[in-house]
Every structure is written in structure tokens, then in C-alpha cells.
PDB file of N, CA and C in Angstrom:
ATOM      1  N   MET A   1      20.283 -20.224  12.611  1.00  0.00           N
ATOM      2  CA  MET A   1      19.097 -20.278  11.948  1.00  0.00           C
ATOM      3  C   MET A   1      18.388 -18.652  11.727  1.00  0.00           C
ATOM      4  N   ALA A   2      18.171 -18.444  10.800  1.00  0.00           N
ATOM      5  CA  ALA A   2      17.917 -16.830  10.831  1.00  0.00           C
ATOM      6  C   ALA A   2      16.493 -16.547  11.547  1.00  0.00           C
ATOM      7  N   LYS A   3      16.355 -15.394  12.010  1.00  0.00           N
ATOM      8  CA  LYS A   3      15.123 -15.142  12.895  1.00  0.00           C
ATOM      9  C   LYS A   3      13.925 -15.007  11.769  1.00  0.00           C
ATOM     10  N   TYR A   4      12.783 -15.319  12.468  1.00  0.00           N
ATOM     11  CA  TYR A   4      11.635 -15.323  11.786  1.00  0.00           C
ATOM     12  C   TYR A   4      11.142 -14.099  10.899  1.00  0.00           C
ATOM     13  N   THR A   5      11.410 -12.985  11.947  1.00  0.00           N
ATOM     14  CA  THR A   5      11.326 -11.661  11.260  1.00  0.00           C
ATOM     15  C   THR A   5      12.078 -11.304  10.025  1.00  0.00           C
ATOM     16  N   ASP A   6      13.482 -11.537  10.289  1.00  0.00           N
ATOM     17  CA  ASP A   6      14.358 -11.358   9.218  1.00  0.00           C
ATOM     18  C   ASP A   6      13.903 -12.198   7.914  1.00  0.00           C
ATOM     19  N   LEU A   7      13.505 -13.402   8.083  1.00  0.00           N
ATOM     20  CA  LEU A   7      12.971 -14.041   7.035  1.00  0.00           C
ATOM     21  C   LEU A   7      11.831 -13.584   6.423  1.00  0.00           C
ATOM     22  N   ALA A   8      10.850 -13.192   7.466  1.00  0.00           N
ATOM     23  CA  ALA A   8       9.479 -12.577   6.861  1.00  0.00           C
ATOM     24  C   ALA A   8       9.655 -11.535   5.849  1.00  0.00           C
ATOM     25  N   THR A   9      10.563 -10.313   6.490  1.00  0.00           N
ATOM     26  CA  THR A   9      10.975  -9.277   6.130  1.00  0.00           C
ATOM     27  C   THR A   9      11.543  -9.417   4.612  1.00  0.00           C
ATOM     28  N   LYS A  10      12.768 -10.305   4.371  1.00  0.00           N
ATOM     29  CA  LYS A  10      13.331 -10.507   3.026  1.00  0.00           C
ATOM     30  C   LYS A  10      12.195 -11.214   2.339  1.00  0.00           C
ATOM     31  N   THR A  11      11.320 -12.058   2.829  1.00  0.00           N
ATOM     32  CA  THR A  11      10.355 -12.786   1.704  1.00  0.00           C
ATOM     33  C   THR A  11       9.327 -11.615   1.306  1.00  0.00           C
ATOM     34  N   GLY A  12       8.864 -10.728   1.873  1.00  0.00           N
ATOM     35  CA  GLY A  12       7.925  -9.744   1.751  1.00  0.00           C
ATOM     36  C   GLY A  12       8.671  -8.909   1.020  1.00  0.00           C
ATOM     37  N   ASP A  13       9.891  -8.509   1.438  1.00  0.00           N
ATOM     38  CA  ASP A  13      10.621  -7.555   0.111  1.00  0.00           C
ATOM     39  C   ASP A  13      10.412  -8.079  -1.243  1.00  0.00           C
ATOM     40  N   ARG A  14      10.926  -9.544  -1.184  1.00  0.00           N
ATOM     41  CA  ARG A  14      11.030 -10.204  -2.650  1.00  0.00           C
ATOM     42  C   ARG A  14       9.683 -10.137  -3.142  1.00  0.00           C
ATOM     43  N   VAL A  15       8.902 -10.502  -2.754  1.00  0.00           N
ATOM     44  CA  VAL A  15       7.393 -10.574  -3.035  1.00  0.00           C
ATOM     45  C   VAL A  15       6.777  -9.011  -3.495  1.00  0.00           C
ATOM     46  N   LEU A  16       7.224  -8.221  -2.851  1.00  0.00           N
ATOM     47  CA  LEU A  16       6.863  -6.788  -3.353  1.00  0.00           C
ATOM     48  C   LEU A  16       7.818  -6.244  -4.552  1.00  0.00           C
ATOM     49  N   SER A  17       8.916  -6.606  -4.470  1.00  0.00           N
ATOM     50  CA  SER A  17       9.978  -6.304  -5.747  1.00  0.00           C
ATOM     51  C   SER A  17       9.305  -7.050  -6.982  1.00  0.00           C
ATOM     52  N   LEU A  18       8.848  -8.466  -6.886  1.00  0.00           N
ATOM     53  CA  LEU A  18       8.101  -9.083  -8.072  1.00  0.00           C
ATOM     54  C   LEU A  18       6.728  -8.335  -8.419  1.00  0.00           C
ATOM     55  N   ILE A  19       6.001  -8.139  -7.343  1.00  0.00           N
ATOM     56  CA  ILE A  19       4.694  -7.222  -7.840  1.00  0.00           C
ATOM     57  C   ILE A  19       5.028  -6.001  -8.501  1.00  0.00           C
ATOM     58  N   GLY A  20       6.004  -5.321  -7.772  1.00  0.00           N
ATOM     59  CA  GLY A  20       6.148  -3.976  -8.620  1.00  0.00           C
ATOM     60  C   GLY A  20       7.013  -4.101  -9.848  1.00  0.00           C
ATOM     61  N   ASP A  21       7.444  -5.039 -10.187  1.00  0.00           N
ATOM     62  CA  ASP A  21       8.024  -5.411 -11.452  1.00  0.00           C
ATOM     63  C   ASP A  21       6.987  -5.716 -12.708  1.00  0.00           C
ATOM     64  N   ALA A  22       5.975  -6.287 -12.204  1.00  0.00           N
ATOM     65  CA  ALA A  22       4.647  -6.606 -12.748  1.00  0.00           C
ATOM     66  C   ALA A  22       3.956  -5.520 -13.206  1.00  0.00           C
ATOM     67  N   GLN A  23       3.764  -4.834 -12.290  1.00  0.00           N
ATOM     68  CA  GLN A  23       2.832  -3.676 -12.324  1.00  0.00           C
ATOM     69  C   GLN A  23       3.619  -2.557 -13.275  1.00  0.00           C
ATOM     70  N   GLY A  24       4.880  -2.356 -13.225  1.00  0.00           N
ATOM     71  CA  GLY A  24       5.561  -1.770 -14.022  1.00  0.00           C
ATOM     72  C   GLY A  24       5.272  -2.278 -15.751  1.00  0.00           C
ATOM     73  N   ALA A  25       5.599  -3.422 -15.910  1.00  0.00           N
ATOM     74  CA  ALA A  25       5.317  -3.903 -17.234  1.00  0.00           C
ATOM     75  C   ALA A  25       3.665  -3.591 -17.784  1.00  0.00           C
ATOM     76  N   VAL A  26       2.646  -3.731 -16.791  1.00  0.00           N
ATOM     77  CA  VAL A  26       1.345  -3.521 -17.129  1.00  0.00           C
ATOM     78  C   VAL A  26       1.177  -1.938 -17.482  1.00  0.00           C
ATOM     79  N   VAL A  27       1.847  -1.120 -16.654  1.00  0.00           N
ATOM     80  CA  VAL A  27       1.706   0.220 -16.902  1.00  0.00           C
ATOM     81  C   VAL A  27       2.393   0.853 -18.053  1.00  0.00           C
ATOM     82  N   SER A  28       3.286   0.147 -18.166  1.00  0.00           N
ATOM     83  CA  SER A  28       4.111   0.312 -19.917  1.00  0.00           C
ATOM     84  C   SER A  28       3.303   0.020 -20.717  1.00  0.00           C
ATOM     85  N   ALA A  29       2.549  -1.200 -20.949  1.00  0.00           N
ATOM     86  CA  ALA A  29       2.048  -1.777 -21.827  1.00  0.00           C
ATOM     87  C   ALA A  29       0.696  -0.889 -22.022  1.00  0.00           C
ATOM     88  N   VAL A  30      -0.138  -0.333 -20.845  1.00  0.00           N
ATOM     89  CA  VAL A  30      -1.248   0.374 -20.876  1.00  0.00           C
ATOM     90  C   VAL A  30      -0.982   1.803 -21.647  1.00  0.00           C
ATOM     91  N   SER A  31       0.185   2.154 -21.295  1.00  0.00           N
ATOM     92  CA  SER A  31       0.611   3.488 -21.640  1.00  0.00           C
ATOM     93  C   SER A  31       0.862   3.558 -23.190  1.00  0.00           C
ATOM     94  N   SER A  32       1.350   2.563 -23.579  1.00  0.00           N
ATOM     95  CA  SER A  32       1.487   2.328 -24.919  1.00  0.00           C
ATOM     96  C   SER A  32       0.133   2.301 -25.748  1.00  0.00           C
ATOM     97  N   VAL A  33      -0.860   1.551 -25.355  1.00  0.00           N
ATOM     98  CA  VAL A  33      -2.081   1.166 -25.989  1.00  0.00           C
ATOM     99  C   VAL A  33      -2.847   2.371 -25.909  1.00  0.00           C
ATOM    100  N   SER A  34      -2.767   3.295 -24.589  1.00  0.00           N
ATOM    101  CA  SER A  34      -3.563   4.499 -24.438  1.00  0.00           C
ATOM    102  C   SER A  34      -2.919   5.639 -25.229  1.00  0.00           C
ATOM    103  N   SER A  35      -1.694   5.539 -25.608  1.00  0.00           N
ATOM    104  CA  SER A  35      -0.997   6.616 -26.583  1.00  0.00           C
ATOM    105  C   SER A  35      -1.663   6.499 -28.054  1.00  0.00           C
ATOM    106  N   LEU A  36      -1.315   5.148 -28.329  1.00  0.00           N
ATOM    107  CA  LEU A  36      -2.115   4.686 -29.708  1.00  0.00           C
ATOM    108  C   LEU A  36      -3.476   5.181 -29.810  1.00  0.00           C
ATOM    109  N   VAL A  37      -4.235   4.647 -29.101  1.00  0.00           N
ATOM    110  CA  VAL A  37      -5.727   4.693 -29.182  1.00  0.00           C
ATOM    111  C   VAL A  37      -6.143   6.533 -28.844  1.00  0.00           C
ATOM    112  N   GLY A  38      -5.323   7.043 -28.109  1.00  0.00           N
ATOM    113  CA  GLY A  38      -5.685   8.408 -27.802  1.00  0.00           C
ATOM    114  C   GLY A  38      -5.284   9.342 -28.992  1.00  0.00           C
ATOM    115  N   SER A  39      -4.223   8.930 -29.821  1.00  0.00           N
ATOM    116  CA  SER A  39      -3.931   9.506 -31.079  1.00  0.00           C
ATOM    117  C   SER A  39      -4.944   9.474 -32.257  1.00  0.00           C
ATOM    118  N   VAL A  40      -5.880   8.531 -32.365  1.00  0.00           N
ATOM    119  CA  VAL A  40      -6.765   8.348 -33.207  1.00  0.00           C
ATOM    120  C   VAL A  40      -8.160   8.503 -32.626  1.00  0.00           C
ATOM    121  N   ILE A  41      -8.633   9.069 -31.501  1.00  0.00           N
ATOM    122  CA  ILE A  41      -9.718   9.392 -30.997  1.00  0.00           C
ATOM    123  C   ILE A  41     -10.102  10.934 -31.186  1.00  0.00           C
ATOM    124  N   PRO A  42     -10.935  11.281 -31.708  1.00  0.00           N
ATOM    125  CA  PRO A  42     -10.969  12.726 -31.848  1.00  0.00           C
ATOM    126  C   PRO A  42     -11.538  13.325 -30.524  1.00  0.00           C
ATOM    127  N   GLU A  43     -11.404  14.711 -30.546  1.00  0.00           N
ATOM    128  CA  GLU A  43     -11.660  15.195 -29.360  1.00  0.00           C
ATOM    129  C   GLU A  43     -13.569  15.218 -29.231  1.00  0.00           C
ATOM    130  N   LEU A  44     -13.724  14.780 -28.122  1.00  0.00           N
ATOM    131  CA  LEU A  44     -15.292  14.407 -28.003  1.00  0.00           C
ATOM    132  C   LEU A  44     -15.960  15.772 -27.436  1.00  0.00           C
ATOM    133  N   PRO A  45     -17.160  16.169 -27.418  1.00  0.00           N
ATOM    134  CA  PRO A  45     -17.812  17.249 -26.628  1.00  0.00           C
ATOM    135  C   PRO A  45     -18.085  16.673 -25.256  1.00  0.00           C
ATOM    136  N   GLN A  46     -17.978  17.965 -24.438  1.00  0.00           N
ATOM    137  CA  GLN A  46     -18.037  17.588 -22.954  1.00  0.00           C
ATOM    138  C   GLN A  46     -19.384  17.160 -22.644  1.00  0.00           C
ATOM    139  N   ILE A  47     -19.505  16.134 -21.882  1.00  0.00           N
ATOM    140  CA  ILE A  47     -20.810  15.714 -21.286  1.00  0.00           C
ATOM    141  C   ILE A  47     -21.384  16.750 -20.268  1.00  0.00           C
ATOM    142  N   PRO A  48     -22.548  17.134 -20.371  1.00  0.00           N
ATOM    143  CA  PRO A  48     -23.295  18.481 -19.227  1.00  0.00           C
ATOM    144  C   PRO A  48     -23.137  17.389 -17.866  1.00  0.00           C
ATOM    145  N   GLY A  49     -22.550  18.388 -16.964  1.00  0.00           N
ATOM    146  CA  GLY A  49     -22.606  17.816 -15.653  1.00  0.00           C
ATOM    147  C   GLY A  49     -21.199  17.006 -15.141  1.00  0.00           C
ATOM    148  N   THR A  50     -20.552  16.880 -16.157  1.00  0.00           N
ATOM    149  CA  THR A  50     -19.192  16.110 -15.906  1.00  0.00           C
ATOM    150  C   THR A  50     -18.044  17.078 -15.365  1.00  0.00           C
ATOM    151  N   GLU A  51     -18.376  18.263 -15.450  1.00  0.00           N
ATOM    152  CA  GLU A  51     -17.186  19.124 -14.738  1.00  0.00           C
ATOM    153  C   GLU A  51     -17.072  18.957 -13.401  1.00  0.00           C
ATOM    154  N   ASN A  52     -17.835  18.299 -12.352  1.00  0.00           N
ATOM    155  CA  ASN A  52     -17.968  18.105 -11.050  1.00  0.00           C
ATOM    156  C   ASN A  52     -17.248  16.805 -10.969  1.00  0.00           C
ATOM    157  N   VAL A  53     -17.042  16.104 -11.779  1.00  0.00           N
ATOM    158  CA  VAL A  53     -16.596  14.777 -11.808  1.00  0.00           C
ATOM    159  C   VAL A  53     -14.972  14.831 -11.510  1.00  0.00           C
ATOM    160  N   PRO A  54     -14.455  14.195 -10.470  1.00  0.00           N
ATOM    161  CA  PRO A  54     -13.035  14.456 -10.238  1.00  0.00           C
ATOM    162  C   PRO A  54     -12.117  13.503 -11.115  1.00  0.00           C
ATOM    163  N   ALA A  55     -11.074  13.913 -11.409  1.00  0.00           N
ATOM    164  CA  ALA A  55     -10.093  13.309 -12.526  1.00  0.00           C
ATOM    165  C   ALA A  55      -9.607  11.827 -11.792  1.00  0.00           C
ATOM    166  N   PRO A  56      -9.675  10.771 -12.602  1.00  0.00           N
ATOM    167  CA  PRO A  56      -9.057   9.562 -11.991  1.00  0.00           C
ATOM    168  C   PRO A  56      -7.814   9.643 -11.032  1.00  0.00           C
ATOM    169  N   ARG A  57      -6.862  10.473 -11.336  1.00  0.00           N
ATOM    170  CA  ARG A  57      -5.756  10.727 -10.226  1.00  0.00           C
ATOM    171  C   ARG A  57      -6.365  11.202  -8.879  1.00  0.00           C
ATOM    172  N   GLU A  58      -7.438  12.246  -9.058  1.00  0.00           N
ATOM    173  CA  GLU A  58      -7.549  12.628  -7.561  1.00  0.00           C
ATOM    174  C   GLU A  58      -8.607  11.491  -6.937  1.00  0.00           C
ATOM    175  N   LEU A  59      -9.059  10.567  -7.660  1.00  0.00           N
ATOM    176  CA  LEU A  59      -9.930   9.473  -6.970  1.00  0.00           C
ATOM    177  C   LEU A  59      -8.970   8.706  -6.539  1.00  0.00           C
ATOM    178  N   VAL A  60      -7.952   8.424  -7.189  1.00  0.00           N
ATOM    179  CA  VAL A  60      -6.695   7.394  -6.448  1.00  0.00           C
ATOM    180  C   VAL A  60      -6.126   8.055  -5.432  1.00  0.00           C
ATOM    181  N   ASP A  61      -5.615   9.284  -5.315  1.00  0.00           N
ATOM    182  CA  ASP A  61      -5.335   9.897  -4.078  1.00  0.00           C
ATOM    183  C   ASP A  61      -6.207  10.096  -2.980  1.00  0.00           C
ATOM    184  N   ASP A  62      -7.595  10.243  -3.368  1.00  0.00           N
ATOM    185  CA  ASP A  62      -8.404  10.280  -2.305  1.00  0.00           C
ATOM    186  C   ASP A  62      -8.695   8.658  -1.565  1.00  0.00           C
ATOM    187  N   TYR A  63      -8.769   7.868  -2.513  1.00  0.00           N
ATOM    188  CA  TYR A  63      -8.794   6.523  -2.222  1.00  0.00           C
ATOM    189  C   TYR A  63      -7.742   5.735  -1.034  1.00  0.00           C
ATOM    190  N   PHE A  64      -6.347   6.449  -1.435  1.00  0.00           N
ATOM    191  CA  PHE A  64      -5.351   5.910  -0.554  1.00  0.00           C
ATOM    192  C   PHE A  64      -5.147   6.815   0.455  1.00  0.00           C
ATOM    193  N   SER A  65      -5.403   7.850   0.533  1.00  0.00           N
ATOM    194  CA  SER A  65      -5.440   8.784   1.589  1.00  0.00           C
ATOM    195  C   SER A  65      -6.276   8.174   2.715  1.00  0.00           C
ATOM    196  N   PHE A  66      -7.611   7.660   2.302  1.00  0.00           N
ATOM    197  CA  PHE A  66      -8.319   6.942   3.286  1.00  0.00           C
ATOM    198  C   PHE A  66      -7.859   5.806   3.765  1.00  0.00           C
ATOM    199  N   ALA A  67      -7.331   4.838   2.551  1.00  0.00           N
ATOM    200  CA  ALA A  67      -6.708   3.608   3.190  1.00  0.00           C
ATOM    201  C   ALA A  67      -5.350   3.710   4.143  1.00  0.00           C
ATOM    202  N   GLU A  68      -4.698   4.677   3.827  1.00  0.00           N
ATOM    203  CA  GLU A  68      -3.390   5.082   4.833  1.00  0.00           C
ATOM    204  C   GLU A  68      -3.940   5.354   6.197  1.00  0.00           C
ATOM    205  N   LYS A  69      -5.079   6.213   6.330  1.00  0.00           N
ATOM    206  CA  LYS A  69      -5.562   6.517   7.751  1.00  0.00           C
ATOM    207  C   LYS A  69      -6.169   5.008   8.131  1.00  0.00           C
ATOM    208  N   ALA A  70      -6.781   4.561   7.714  1.00  0.00           N
ATOM    209  CA  ALA A  70      -7.587   3.268   8.010  1.00  0.00           C
ATOM    210  C   ALA A  70      -6.483   2.214   8.306  1.00  0.00           C
ATOM    211  N   LEU A  71      -5.415   1.952   7.740  1.00  0.00           N
ATOM    212  CA  LEU A  71      -4.139   1.235   7.992  1.00  0.00           C
ATOM    213  C   LEU A  71      -3.672   1.459   9.534  1.00  0.00           C
ATOM    214  N   LYS A  72      -3.389   3.075   9.253  1.00  0.00           N
ATOM    215  CA  LYS A  72      -2.837   3.415  10.545  1.00  0.00           C
ATOM    216  C   LYS A  72      -3.513   3.283  11.925  1.00  0.00           C
ATOM    217  N   GLN A  73      -4.986   3.460  11.689  1.00  0.00           N
ATOM    218  CA  GLN A  73      -5.732   3.233  12.782  1.00  0.00           C
ATOM    219  C   GLN A  73      -5.704   1.701  13.193  1.00  0.00           C
ATOM    220  N   GLN A  74      -5.551   0.699  12.258  1.00  0.00           N
ATOM    221  CA  GLN A  74      -5.707  -0.551  12.395  1.00  0.00           C
ATOM    222  C   GLN A  74      -4.382  -1.093  13.097  1.00  0.00           C
ATOM    223  N   LYS A  75      -3.270  -0.485  12.572  1.00  0.00           N
ATOM    224  CA  LYS A  75      -1.982  -0.747  13.335  1.00  0.00           C
ATOM    225  C   LYS A  75      -2.080  -0.231  14.848  1.00  0.00           C
ATOM    226  N   THR A  76      -2.537   0.722  14.937  1.00  0.00           N
ATOM    227  CA  THR A  76      -2.553   1.316  16.484  1.00  0.00           C
ATOM    228  C   THR A  76      -3.484   0.524  17.484  1.00  0.00           C
ATOM    229  N   TYR A  77      -4.512  -0.212  16.763  1.00  0.00           N
ATOM    230  CA  TYR A  77      -5.443  -1.083  17.209  1.00  0.00           C
ATOM    231  C   TYR A  77      -4.928  -2.247  17.762  1.00  0.00           C
ATOM    232  N   ALA A  78      -4.134  -3.020  16.647  1.00  0.00           N
ATOM    233  CA  ALA A  78      -3.464  -4.274  16.916  1.00  0.00           C
ATOM    234  C   ALA A  78      -2.398  -3.994  18.022  1.00  0.00           C
ATOM    235  N   LYS A  79      -1.823  -2.993  17.768  1.00  0.00           N
ATOM    236  CA  LYS A  79      -0.357  -2.834  18.932  1.00  0.00           C
ATOM    237  C   LYS A  79      -1.111  -2.749  20.337  1.00  0.00           C
ATOM    238  N   ASP A  80      -1.999  -1.826  20.507  1.00  0.00           N
ATOM    239  CA  ASP A  80      -2.996  -1.777  21.776  1.00  0.00           C
ATOM    240  C   ASP A  80      -3.461  -3.134  21.888  1.00  0.00           C
ATOM    241  N   LEU A  81      -3.746  -4.168  21.155  1.00  0.00           N
ATOM    242  CA  LEU A  81      -4.504  -5.176  21.797  1.00  0.00           C
ATOM    243  C   LEU A  81      -3.296  -6.117  21.819  1.00  0.00           C
ATOM    244  N   ALA A  82      -2.178  -6.083  21.308  1.00  0.00           N
ATOM    245  CA  ALA A  82      -1.007  -7.067  21.739  1.00  0.00           C
ATOM    246  C   ALA A  82      -0.473  -6.405  22.968  1.00  0.00           C
ATOM    247  N   LYS A  83      -0.503  -5.130  23.254  1.00  0.00           N
ATOM    248  CA  LYS A  83       0.034  -4.755  24.890  1.00  0.00           C
ATOM    249  C   LYS A  83      -0.755  -5.196  25.509  1.00  0.00           C
ATOM    250  N   ALA A  84      -2.294  -5.260  25.573  1.00  0.00           N
ATOM    251  CA  ALA A  84      -3.096  -5.527  26.341  1.00  0.00           C
ATOM    252  C   ALA A  84      -3.182  -7.094  26.656  1.00  0.00           C
ATOM    253  N   LEU A  85      -2.623  -7.812  25.802  1.00  0.00           N
ATOM    254  CA  LEU A  85      -2.520  -9.316  25.862  1.00  0.00           C
ATOM    255  C   LEU A  85      -1.122  -9.861  26.475  1.00  0.00           C
ATOM    256  N   GLU A  86      -0.253  -8.493  26.858  1.00  0.00           N
ATOM    257  CA  GLU A  86       1.108  -9.188  27.574  1.00  0.00           C
ATOM    258  C   GLU A  86       1.117  -9.673  28.728  1.00  0.00           C
ATOM    259  N   PRO A  87       0.279  -9.612  29.665  1.00  0.00           N
ATOM    260  CA  PRO A  87       0.161 -10.458  30.818  1.00  0.00           C
ATOM    261  C   PRO A  87       0.255 -11.857  30.460  1.00  0.00           C
ATOM    262  N   ILE A  88      -0.576 -12.100  29.284  1.00  0.00           N
ATOM    263  CA  ILE A  88      -0.523 -13.591  29.055  1.00  0.00           C
ATOM    264  C   ILE A  88       0.662 -13.840  28.236  1.00  0.00           C
ATOM    265  N   SER A  89       0.976 -12.991  26.921  1.00  0.00           N
ATOM    266  CA  SER A  89       1.551 -13.542  26.117  1.00  0.00           C
ATOM    267  C   SER A  89       3.121 -13.475  26.806  1.00  0.00           C
ATOM    268  N   ALA A  90       3.610 -12.751  27.599  1.00  0.00           N
ATOM    269  CA  ALA A  90       4.605 -12.564  28.069  1.00  0.00           C
ATOM    270  C   ALA A  90       5.069 -14.185  28.656  1.00  0.00           C
ATOM    271  N   LYS A  91       4.049 -14.714  29.376  1.00  0.00           N
ATOM    272  CA  LYS A  91       4.138 -16.307  30.109  1.00  0.00           C
ATOM    273  C   LYS A  91       4.378 -17.158  29.017  1.00  0.00           C
ATOM    274  N   ILE A  92       3.612 -16.975  27.866  1.00  0.00           N
ATOM    275  CA  ILE A  92       3.384 -18.315  27.237  1.00  0.00           C
ATOM    276  C   ILE A  92       4.669 -18.118  25.950  1.00  0.00           C
ATOM    277  N   ILE A  93       4.975 -16.894  25.490  1.00  0.00           N
ATOM    278  CA  ILE A  93       5.880 -16.704  24.393  1.00  0.00           C
ATOM    279  C   ILE A  93       7.233 -16.207  24.738  1.00  0.00           C
ATOM    280  N   PRO A  94       8.129 -16.684  24.326  1.00  0.00           N
ATOM    281  CA  PRO A  94       9.396 -16.188  24.739  1.00  0.00           C
ATOM    282  C   PRO A  94       9.606 -14.811  24.091  1.00  0.00           C
ATOM    283  N   ASN A  95      10.172 -13.735  24.722  1.00  0.00           N
ATOM    284  CA  ASN A  95       9.930 -12.432  23.934  1.00  0.00           C
ATOM    285  C   ASN A  95       8.535 -11.572  23.789  1.00  0.00           C
ATOM    286  N   GLY A  96       7.580 -12.561  24.634  1.00  0.00           N
ATOM    287  CA  GLY A  96       6.359 -12.127  24.456  1.00  0.00           C
ATOM    288  C   GLY A  96       6.075 -10.388  24.674  1.00  0.00           C
ATOM    289  N   LYS A  97       6.804 -10.058  25.497  1.00  0.00           N
ATOM    290  CA  LYS A  97       6.597  -8.572  25.938  1.00  0.00           C
ATOM    291  C   LYS A  97       7.813  -7.685  25.170  1.00  0.00           C
ATOM    292  N   LYS A  98       8.732  -8.265  24.482  1.00  0.00           N
ATOM    293  CA  LYS A  98       9.380  -7.737  23.803  1.00  0.00           C
ATOM    294  C   LYS A  98       9.024  -6.434  22.804  1.00  0.00           C
ATOM    295  N   ALA A  99       9.475  -5.499  23.004  1.00  0.00           N
ATOM    296  CA  ALA A  99       9.027  -4.384  21.982  1.00  0.00           C
ATOM    297  C   ALA A  99       9.615  -4.382  20.353  1.00  0.00           C
ATOM    298  N   VAL A 100       8.816  -4.240  19.402  1.00  0.00           N
ATOM    299  CA  VAL A 100       9.130  -4.683  18.050  1.00  0.00           C
ATOM    300  C   VAL A 100       9.668  -3.203  17.611  1.00  0.00           C
ATOM    301  N   LYS A 101      10.867  -3.409  16.986  1.00  0.00           N
ATOM    302  CA  LYS A 101      11.322  -2.119  16.319  1.00  0.00           C
ATOM    303  C   LYS A 101      10.704  -1.347  15.432  1.00  0.00           C
ATOM    304  N   ALA A 102      10.674  -0.181  15.340  1.00  0.00           N
ATOM    305  CA  ALA A 102       9.749   0.542  14.454  1.00  0.00           C
ATOM    306  C   ALA A 102      10.466   0.425  12.795  1.00  0.00           C
ATOM    307  N   ALA A 103       9.387   0.420  12.021  1.00  0.00           N
ATOM    308  CA  ALA A 103       9.854   0.323  10.543  1.00  0.00           C
ATOM    309  C   ALA A 103      10.458   1.398   9.914  1.00  0.00           C
ATOM    310  N   PRO A 104      11.307   1.321   9.202  1.00  0.00           N
ATOM    311  CA  PRO A 104      12.087   2.507   8.532  1.00  0.00           C
ATOM    312  C   PRO A 104      10.926   3.311   7.837  1.00  0.00           C
ATOM    313  N   LYS A 105      10.806   4.780   7.926  1.00  0.00           N
ATOM    314  CA  LYS A 105       9.884   5.492   7.037  1.00  0.00           C
ATOM    315  C   LYS A 105      10.450   5.416   5.706  1.00  0.00           C
ATOM    316  N   ALA A 106       9.118   5.239   4.995  1.00  0.00           N
ATOM    317  CA  ALA A 106       9.273   5.242   3.353  1.00  0.00           C
ATOM    318  C   ALA A 106       9.459   6.651   3.064  1.00  0.00           C
ATOM    319  N   ALA A 107      10.239   6.888   1.984  1.00  0.00           N
ATOM    320  CA  ALA A 107      10.283   8.346   1.274  1.00  0.00           C
ATOM    321  C   ALA A 107       8.831   8.783   0.757  1.00  0.00           C
ATOM    322  N   ALA A 108       8.542   9.708   0.881  1.00  0.00           N
ATOM    323  CA  ALA A 108       7.359  10.551   0.659  1.00  0.00           C
ATOM    324  C   ALA A 108       7.207  10.482  -0.915  1.00  0.00           C
ATOM    325  N   THR A 109       6.112  10.095  -1.513  1.00  0.00           N
ATOM    326  CA  THR A 109       6.269  10.138  -3.120  1.00  0.00           C
ATOM    327  C   THR A 109       4.736  10.820  -3.259  1.00  0.00           C
ATOM    328  N   ALA A 110       4.622  11.709  -4.266  1.00  0.00           N
ATOM    329  CA  ALA A 110       3.344  11.883  -4.665  1.00  0.00           C
ATOM    330  C   ALA A 110       3.192  12.125  -6.547  1.00  0.00           C
TER     331      ALA A 110
END
């Protein structure tokens, strides 16, 4: 019988792959529509005060930078909490004190 972690990893990878495929299709469709609409919209005058508004890509970068920091903090918290519970979990769960192997580092993308 496959280990739970192996099954969970394979299932998670498959789900993420399917989500990635769907996202790729959406981005392609939006890009096509945006190119068409962008080609017929005339240049508009700049609205006063908008020069300090960040570009959409900057907003995405800022949001995900915060989310990555928050997720890292939550991971540390969860691991510390699991370690704090080891006196109990080691007696209840086989491998209750077993260290979890580190996840492979994802390639950095910008």
C-alpha cells in the first residue's frame, strides 16, 4: 500500500497540473480579447493623480510577496506547534516524532 504522503503528493501534483492547464487557457483567452479590444480603443488622456497608482503587475508582486512571507511564517508556526506536541504525538501516532523531509526548492521565477 502506498504511503499517505506519496499518495497526497501525487494527488496534489495532479490537481495543481489541472489548475495550471485551466489557468493557461484563461490567460490565452484573456490575452486574445485584450489584444483585440486594445487595438480598437484610442489612447485616452491620463487621469490626474493616477501617476502614483502602481501598475497591476506591481500590485500582484506586492500581494504575493506578502503572501509568501505570511505562508513561511505560518509554516514555521505549524512546525513549532507540531514539535511542541511531540511528547503526546510520539506516544499516540507511530512515527509521531519522525522528521518530515524538506520539500524540494522550486525554481525562482520572476
